[in-house]
Amino acid sequence: MRHAIAILLLLSGAPVLAKEAARPRAREAGVSVGILSPGPLNAITDVDGVKVGQVTLPRSHDVNTGVTAILPHGGNLFQDKVPAGFVAYNAFGKFMGSTQVAELGEIETPILLTNTLNVAEAGAASVEWTLAQPGNEEVRSVNAVVGETNDGMLNDIRGRHVTIADARRAIESAKAGPVEEGVVGAGTGTVAFGFKAGIGTSSRKLPVSLGGWTVGVLVQANYGGVLTIGGVPVGVKLGQYDYRKQVEEKKADGSVVIVIATDAPLSDRNLRRVAERAFGGIARTGSSFSNGSGDYAIAFSTSPAVRRTAAKRDSVAPVDDLPNDRMSPLFQATIEATEEAVLNALFKAQTVEGNRGTAQALPLDKVLPMLKAGR
């Protein structure tokens, strides 16, 4: 049986893909995920205050990489920290700053995503930017938060091409509004399910009866498994999936970083629970969560009611906290937005010829009819 997901395929009105530059998002192609409605932009920036900045290095045959920065708000993040929860579902990877987030339950810097061997440069950029913010003149310790996936197939990763200046530009260019997807920023060189993937984003807006909160997700998709869309085993039908012919073609390893934002007033404990549920969305896409995969999720709340300001740190202050019994709709929203964010990464990504091979774009001309037939 199909899992409980609504897949609406309006193929008669789907756009004609005359060129790769016109590749649609999943909903634009007629694929609707879940039961909840997206926000106006269907992006993590639907959560008020969240900003995203991306730097894509000048692309060549060998260099296909970049940086993506997510800012929980536009103020001084160190002085106005946000509560956060972190989950390492499979910790084959490098997630800078994660231990302090897990210990203290808060974020004090932008969240940066890049490739495995440029985590240090991204971390240095975050520290430099934080120290330079007005009001931080006496700061002596900064917990930079940096996630990564390995883009070594398409990118000359050993060249370590991302500089501190590149990562800092990603932070400084962060803005509200639409978020570019696919072959951009930290997703420039990533591959998922054997197809070109990249950065993807989505959101869900709960109805007023369920709180009216917004959940936004951004993913850096770079993992394996058997691509599944709406319960349809697309990877099998295309003949491209992990362990095909006893792994004669490729290993099943890879990684995914999931960043979740919400305006719901949540404690760091419940934000960790939200982060855990994001892997339900990844599972729906067909992930095998393999041994060599670094699968991470980090969730934060932008609600001013739970923000950890300098004034609150010196006193006992009341804090809003959505009760446990009201969390289930947020869990549903997180799962749906995560799943759709991955699909957007795949749908928007173009074919890339890179350092050690070529990653073909997901063939939508074949996939969309499969989904229609599988309804």
Protein backbone atom coordinates (compact mmCIF):
# COMPACT_ATOMS: atom_id res chain seq x y z
CA MET A 1 0.00 0.00 0.00
CA ARG A 2 1.02 3.56 -0.56
CA HIS A 3 1.96 5.49 2.57
CA ALA A 4 -0.41 8.25 3.66
CA ILE A 5 0.64 10.86 1.15
CA ALA A 6 -1.44 12.73 -1.36
CA ILE A 7 0.13 12.75 -4.81
CA LEU A 8 -1.76 14.94 -7.22
CA LEU A 9 -0.53 14.79 -10.79
CA LEU A 10 -1.95 17.35 -13.15
CA LEU A 11 0.06 16.23 -16.14
CA SER A 12 -2.22 17.90 -18.63
CA GLY A 13 -1.14 21.27 -17.26
CA ALA A 14 2.50 20.44 -16.62
CA PRO A 15 5.06 22.67 -18.27
CA VAL A 16 6.94 21.49 -21.33
CA LEU A 17 10.63 21.15 -20.50
CA ALA A 18 12.08 22.76 -23.59
CA LYS A 19 15.42 23.25 -21.88
CA GLU A 20 17.00 22.32 -18.57
CA ALA A 21 16.97 25.92 -17.37
CA ALA A 22 13.18 25.65 -17.20
CA ARG A 23 13.13 22.62 -14.89
CA PRO A 24 10.20 22.94 -12.46
CA ARG A 25 9.83 22.42 -8.77
CA ALA A 26 7.84 19.34 -7.78
CA ARG A 27 4.53 21.19 -7.40
CA GLU A 28 5.06 23.07 -10.62
CA ALA A 29 5.32 19.66 -12.30
CA GLY A 30 2.07 18.54 -10.66
CA VAL A 31 3.50 16.56 -7.73
CA SER A 32 1.88 17.52 -4.44
CA VAL A 33 3.25 15.99 -1.23
CA GLY A 34 1.18 15.44 1.88
CA ILE A 35 -2.03 16.81 3.36
CA LEU A 36 -0.90 20.21 4.64
CA SER A 37 -0.55 23.39 2.60
CA PRO A 38 2.80 25.06 1.91
CA GLY A 39 3.54 28.66 2.78
CA PRO A 40 3.49 31.40 0.11
CA LEU A 41 7.05 30.66 -1.06
CA ASN A 42 7.07 26.96 -0.17
CA ALA A 43 10.51 27.61 1.32
CA ILE A 44 12.28 27.82 4.66
CA THR A 45 12.06 31.60 4.35
CA ASP A 46 8.29 31.35 4.89
CA VAL A 47 9.26 31.29 8.57
CA ASP A 48 9.38 34.94 9.49
CA GLY A 49 12.90 36.29 9.97
CA VAL A 50 14.79 33.42 8.35
CA LYS A 51 17.32 34.39 5.68
CA VAL A 52 19.29 32.28 3.22
CA GLY A 53 22.49 33.18 1.38
CA GLN A 54 24.31 31.06 -1.19
CA VAL A 55 27.66 31.29 -2.92
CA THR A 56 28.35 29.02 -5.87
CA LEU A 57 31.96 28.91 -6.91
CA PRO A 58 32.66 29.66 -10.59
CA ARG A 59 31.89 26.27 -12.06
CA SER A 60 34.27 24.25 -14.21
CA HIS A 61 34.84 20.60 -15.00
CA ASP A 62 36.73 20.21 -11.73
CA VAL A 63 35.14 22.76 -9.39
CA ASN A 64 31.50 22.19 -8.47
CA THR A 65 30.95 23.29 -4.90
CA GLY A 66 29.86 26.23 -2.73
CA VAL A 67 28.34 27.40 0.53
CA THR A 68 24.78 27.84 1.80
CA ALA A 69 24.08 29.97 4.90
CA ILE A 70 20.87 29.96 6.94
CA LEU A 71 20.32 32.78 9.44
CA PRO A 72 17.55 32.24 12.04
CA HIS A 73 17.02 36.01 12.19
CA GLY A 74 18.61 39.19 10.90
CA GLY A 75 19.85 40.51 14.24
CA ASN A 76 22.84 39.70 16.41
CA LEU A 77 22.60 35.92 16.65
CA PHE A 78 25.20 35.69 19.40
CA GLN A 79 23.35 38.11 21.69
CA ASP A 80 19.88 36.86 20.72
CA LYS A 81 20.37 33.12 20.56
CA VAL A 82 17.59 30.81 19.37
CA PRO A 83 16.68 27.47 20.96
CA ALA A 84 17.65 24.48 18.86
CA GLY A 85 17.64 20.71 18.73
CA PHE A 86 20.15 18.49 16.95
CA VAL A 87 19.99 14.87 15.82
CA ALA A 88 22.70 12.69 14.28
CA TYR A 89 20.66 9.86 12.75
CA ASN A 90 23.81 8.28 11.31
CA ALA A 91 26.93 10.15 12.31
CA PHE A 92 29.34 9.31 9.49
CA GLY A 93 30.22 12.95 8.88
CA LYS A 94 31.46 16.21 10.31
CA PHE A 95 28.97 18.58 11.91
CA MET A 96 30.90 21.39 13.55
CA GLY A 97 29.35 22.85 16.69
CA SER A 98 26.86 20.02 17.17
CA THR A 99 28.03 18.99 20.64
CA GLN A 100 27.43 22.45 22.10
CA VAL A 101 24.03 22.67 20.41
CA ALA A 102 23.13 19.31 21.92
CA GLU A 103 24.42 20.35 25.35
CA LEU A 104 23.00 23.88 25.61
CA GLY A 105 20.09 23.65 23.20
CA GLU A 106 20.78 26.89 21.36
CA ILE A 107 22.35 28.40 18.23
CA GLU A 108 24.44 31.57 18.33
CA THR A 109 25.74 31.77 14.74
CA PRO A 110 24.47 31.23 11.21
CA ILE A 111 24.15 27.61 10.08
CA LEU A 112 26.53 26.99 7.18
CA LEU A 113 26.55 24.08 4.75
CA THR A 114 29.45 23.21 2.47
CA ASN A 115 31.58 20.23 1.36
CA THR A 116 33.40 17.85 3.69
CA LEU A 117 36.90 19.27 3.33
CA ASN A 118 35.90 22.94 3.59
CA VAL A 119 34.18 22.80 6.98
CA ALA A 120 37.14 24.59 8.53
CA GLU A 121 36.88 27.56 6.16
CA ALA A 122 33.14 27.86 6.72
CA GLY A 123 33.65 27.72 10.48
CA ALA A 124 36.33 30.40 10.34
CA ALA A 125 34.02 32.64 8.31
CA SER A 126 31.23 32.23 10.86
CA VAL A 127 33.57 33.09 13.72
CA GLU A 128 34.97 36.14 11.92
CA TRP A 129 31.50 37.41 11.02
CA THR A 130 30.21 36.90 14.56
CA LEU A 131 33.15 38.68 16.20
CA ALA A 132 32.67 41.62 13.83
CA GLN A 133 29.02 42.22 14.79
CA PRO A 134 28.39 45.37 16.84
CA GLY A 135 27.88 44.39 20.47
CA ASN A 136 30.24 41.42 20.32
CA GLU A 137 33.44 43.30 21.16
CA GLU A 138 33.96 41.29 24.36
CA VAL A 139 33.09 37.87 22.94
CA ARG A 140 35.81 35.28 23.61
CA SER A 141 34.14 32.07 22.43
CA VAL A 142 31.96 31.36 19.38
CA ASN A 143 30.24 28.07 18.54
CA ALA A 144 30.22 28.00 14.73
CA VAL A 145 27.62 25.58 13.31
CA VAL A 146 28.65 23.95 10.01
CA GLY A 147 27.22 20.90 8.27
CA GLU A 148 28.63 19.12 5.24
CA THR A 149 28.22 16.43 2.62
CA ASN A 150 30.88 14.98 0.35
CA ASP A 151 30.70 16.29 -3.23
CA GLY A 152 33.88 14.50 -4.32
CA MET A 153 32.38 12.90 -7.41
CA LEU A 154 31.66 16.15 -9.20
CA ASN A 155 34.04 18.42 -7.32
CA ASP A 156 37.81 18.35 -6.92
CA ILE A 157 37.27 18.16 -3.19
CA ARG A 158 40.96 17.75 -2.37
CA GLY A 159 41.56 21.16 -3.91
CA ARG A 160 39.60 22.71 -1.02
CA HIS A 161 38.41 25.53 -3.24
CA VAL A 162 35.98 27.22 -0.82
CA THR A 163 37.67 30.11 0.97
CA ILE A 164 36.81 31.92 4.17
CA ALA A 165 35.81 34.90 2.01
CA ASP A 166 33.40 32.71 0.00
CA ALA A 167 31.69 31.46 3.15
CA ARG A 168 31.48 34.93 4.61
CA ARG A 169 29.86 36.21 1.40
CA ALA A 170 27.19 33.54 1.81
CA ILE A 171 26.39 34.89 5.27
CA GLU A 172 26.47 38.53 4.23
CA SER A 173 24.29 37.93 1.16
CA ALA A 174 21.57 36.12 3.12
CA LYS A 175 18.09 37.48 2.50
CA ALA A 176 14.42 36.67 2.86
CA GLY A 177 12.33 35.66 -0.14
CA PRO A 178 12.59 32.86 -2.70
CA VAL A 179 15.45 30.38 -2.30
CA GLU A 180 17.35 29.10 -5.31
CA GLU A 181 17.39 25.31 -5.57
CA GLY A 182 19.27 22.53 -7.31
CA VAL A 183 22.81 23.16 -8.53
CA VAL A 184 23.62 26.05 -6.21
CA GLY A 185 25.61 26.78 -3.05
CA ALA A 186 26.41 23.71 -0.97
CA GLY A 187 24.38 21.59 -3.38
CA THR A 188 26.42 22.41 -6.48
CA GLY A 189 28.24 19.07 -6.47
CA THR A 190 25.84 16.76 -4.63
CA VAL A 191 24.16 13.60 -5.94
CA ALA A 192 21.14 11.70 -4.58
CA PHE A 193 19.90 8.29 -5.68
CA GLY A 194 22.43 8.41 -8.51
CA PHE A 195 20.90 11.59 -9.98
CA LYS A 196 22.05 15.20 -9.72
CA ALA A 197 20.53 16.73 -6.63
CA GLY A 198 21.51 19.76 -4.55
CA ILE A 199 19.72 22.29 -2.37
CA GLY A 200 15.98 21.94 -1.92
CA THR A 201 13.46 23.68 0.31
CA SER A 202 9.79 23.51 1.25
CA SER A 203 7.40 24.65 3.97
CA ARG A 204 4.08 23.88 5.61
CA LYS A 205 1.58 26.27 7.19
CA LEU A 206 -0.65 24.73 9.83
CA PRO A 207 -4.30 25.75 9.88
CA VAL A 208 -5.33 28.10 12.68
CA SER A 209 -7.13 25.26 14.42
CA LEU A 210 -3.76 23.50 14.78
CA GLY A 211 -1.89 26.61 15.91
CA GLY A 212 -1.25 28.41 12.62
CA TRP A 213 2.51 27.82 12.91
CA THR A 214 4.86 27.57 9.95
CA VAL A 215 7.55 24.94 9.47
CA GLY A 216 10.24 25.45 6.83
CA VAL A 217 12.91 22.98 5.72
CA LEU A 218 16.09 23.26 3.65
CA VAL A 219 18.09 20.18 2.66
CA GLN A 220 21.53 19.49 1.22
CA ALA A 221 20.67 16.22 -0.54
CA ASN A 222 23.54 13.84 -1.25
CA TYR A 223 22.45 10.34 -0.27
CA GLY A 224 21.46 6.94 -1.65
CA GLY A 225 18.75 4.33 -1.58
CA VAL A 226 15.87 3.52 -3.91
CA LEU A 227 14.23 6.74 -5.08
CA THR A 228 10.56 6.63 -4.15
CA ILE A 229 8.02 9.35 -4.95
CA GLY A 230 4.55 9.03 -3.50
CA GLY A 231 5.10 5.33 -2.91
CA VAL A 232 6.13 4.73 -6.52
CA PRO A 233 9.55 2.99 -6.74
CA VAL A 234 10.91 5.37 -9.34
CA GLY A 235 14.49 4.21 -8.86
CA VAL A 236 13.57 0.61 -9.59
CA LYS A 237 11.56 1.55 -12.66
CA LEU A 238 14.49 3.61 -13.97
CA GLY A 239 16.94 0.82 -13.15
CA GLN A 240 19.06 3.06 -10.94
CA TYR A 241 19.25 2.31 -7.25
CA ASP A 242 21.61 1.16 -4.51
CA TYR A 243 22.62 -2.51 -4.38
CA ARG A 244 21.57 -3.09 -7.97
CA LYS A 245 23.38 -6.25 -9.11
CA GLN A 246 25.07 -6.52 -5.71
CA VAL A 247 26.43 -2.99 -5.85
CA GLU A 248 28.18 -3.44 -9.18
CA GLU A 249 27.82 0.21 -10.07
CA LYS A 250 28.29 2.27 -6.93
CA LYS A 251 28.32 2.32 -3.18
CA ALA A 252 25.21 3.18 -1.24
CA ASP A 253 26.86 5.86 0.82
CA GLY A 254 26.09 9.56 0.92
CA SER A 255 24.80 12.20 3.29
CA VAL A 256 21.99 14.61 3.96
CA VAL A 257 21.79 17.72 6.15
CA ILE A 258 18.31 18.94 7.09
CA VAL A 259 17.73 22.41 8.53
CA ILE A 260 14.29 22.99 10.05
CA ALA A 261 12.89 26.37 11.10
CA THR A 262 9.61 27.11 12.83
CA ASP A 263 7.91 30.08 14.44
CA ALA A 264 6.22 27.82 17.00
CA PRO A 265 7.42 28.57 20.56
CA LEU A 266 9.29 25.34 21.26
CA SER A 267 11.83 24.27 23.84
CA ASP A 268 15.12 22.80 22.70
CA ARG A 269 13.79 19.42 23.83
CA ASN A 270 10.82 19.57 21.50
CA LEU A 271 12.98 21.00 18.73
CA ARG A 272 15.12 17.88 19.01
CA ARG A 273 11.94 15.85 18.60
CA VAL A 274 11.07 17.87 15.50
CA ALA A 275 14.56 17.21 14.11
CA GLU A 276 14.06 13.47 14.64
CA ARG A 277 10.84 13.48 12.62
CA ALA A 278 12.60 14.98 9.59
CA PHE A 279 14.08 11.56 8.92
CA GLY A 280 10.56 10.29 8.36
CA GLY A 281 10.51 12.51 5.29
CA ILE A 282 13.91 11.26 4.17
CA ALA A 283 12.75 7.65 4.59
CA ARG A 284 9.74 8.32 2.37
CA THR A 285 12.06 9.28 -0.46
CA GLY A 286 13.68 5.84 -0.28
CA SER A 287 16.83 6.43 1.77
CA SER A 288 18.66 3.38 3.08
CA PHE A 289 20.55 5.41 5.76
CA SER A 290 23.68 3.47 4.86
CA ASN A 291 26.78 2.93 6.96
CA GLY A 292 28.77 5.64 5.19
CA SER A 293 26.01 8.23 5.20
CA GLY A 294 26.15 11.31 7.42
CA ASP A 295 22.49 12.04 8.18
CA TYR A 296 21.94 15.12 10.34
CA ALA A 297 19.06 17.39 11.27
CA ILE A 298 19.05 20.66 13.18
CA ALA A 299 15.87 22.52 14.14
CA PHE A 300 15.39 25.96 15.63
CA SER A 301 12.57 28.28 16.67
CA THR A 302 12.39 31.92 15.64
CA SER A 303 9.66 32.79 18.14
CA PRO A 304 10.63 35.92 20.13
CA ALA A 305 8.96 34.33 23.15
CA VAL A 306 11.64 31.64 23.40
CA ARG A 307 14.64 33.63 22.18
CA ARG A 308 17.55 33.62 24.62
CA THR A 309 18.50 37.26 24.84
CA ALA A 310 21.26 38.82 26.91
CA ALA A 311 18.70 40.28 29.32
CA LYS A 312 17.14 36.87 29.99
CA ARG A 313 20.46 35.17 30.66
CA ASP A 314 20.99 37.07 33.93
CA SER A 315 17.61 36.39 35.47
CA VAL A 316 14.84 33.85 35.84
CA ALA A 317 12.37 34.67 33.10
CA PRO A 318 9.13 32.98 32.01
CA VAL A 319 9.44 31.13 28.69
CA ASP A 320 6.62 30.05 26.41
CA ASP A 321 6.64 26.34 25.63
CA LEU A 322 4.15 24.62 23.36
CA PRO A 323 2.92 21.55 25.28
CA ASN A 324 3.77 18.05 24.12
CA ASP A 325 0.17 17.27 23.22
CA ARG A 326 0.25 19.96 20.51
CA MET A 327 3.41 18.70 18.78
CA SER A 328 1.95 16.13 16.40
CA PRO A 329 0.85 18.60 13.70
CA LEU A 330 4.37 20.07 13.70
CA PHE A 331 5.79 16.58 13.28
CA GLN A 332 3.53 16.02 10.27
CA ALA A 333 4.53 19.36 8.79
CA THR A 334 8.22 18.55 9.23
CA ILE A 335 7.95 15.17 7.53
CA GLU A 336 6.03 16.58 4.56
CA ALA A 337 8.28 19.61 4.09
CA THR A 338 11.42 17.48 4.30
CA GLU A 339 10.17 15.03 1.69
CA GLU A 340 9.16 17.81 -0.70
CA ALA A 341 12.43 19.67 -0.17
CA VAL A 342 14.32 16.60 -1.41
CA LEU A 343 12.05 16.31 -4.44
CA ASN A 344 12.60 19.98 -5.22
CA ALA A 345 16.37 19.44 -5.07
CA LEU A 346 16.06 16.60 -7.58
CA PHE A 347 13.50 18.26 -9.84
CA LYS A 348 15.40 21.55 -10.12
CA ALA A 349 18.89 20.12 -10.54
CA GLN A 350 20.48 20.04 -13.97
CA THR A 351 22.97 17.54 -15.38
CA VAL A 352 26.53 18.26 -14.26
CA GLU A 353 29.74 16.92 -15.78
CA GLY A 354 32.32 16.95 -13.05
CA ASN A 355 35.69 15.93 -11.74
CA ARG A 356 35.15 12.16 -11.62
CA GLY A 357 32.03 11.62 -13.69
CA THR A 358 28.65 12.95 -14.75
CA ALA A 359 25.48 13.17 -12.69
CA GLN A 360 22.42 13.17 -14.90
CA ALA A 361 19.36 15.19 -14.02
CA LEU A 362 16.31 13.21 -12.94
CA PRO A 363 14.51 12.42 -16.23
CA LEU A 364 11.18 14.08 -15.55
CA ASP A 365 9.83 13.08 -18.94
CA LYS A 366 9.99 9.47 -17.73
CA VAL A 367 9.24 10.01 -14.05
CA LEU A 368 6.02 12.02 -14.30
CA PRO A 369 4.18 9.39 -16.37
CA MET A 370 5.30 6.76 -13.83
CA LEU A 371 3.74 8.76 -11.04
CA LYS A 372 0.51 9.22 -12.95
CA ALA A 373 0.28 5.48 -13.60
CA GLY A 374 1.08 4.70 -9.96
CA ARG A 375 -1.69 6.78 -8.46
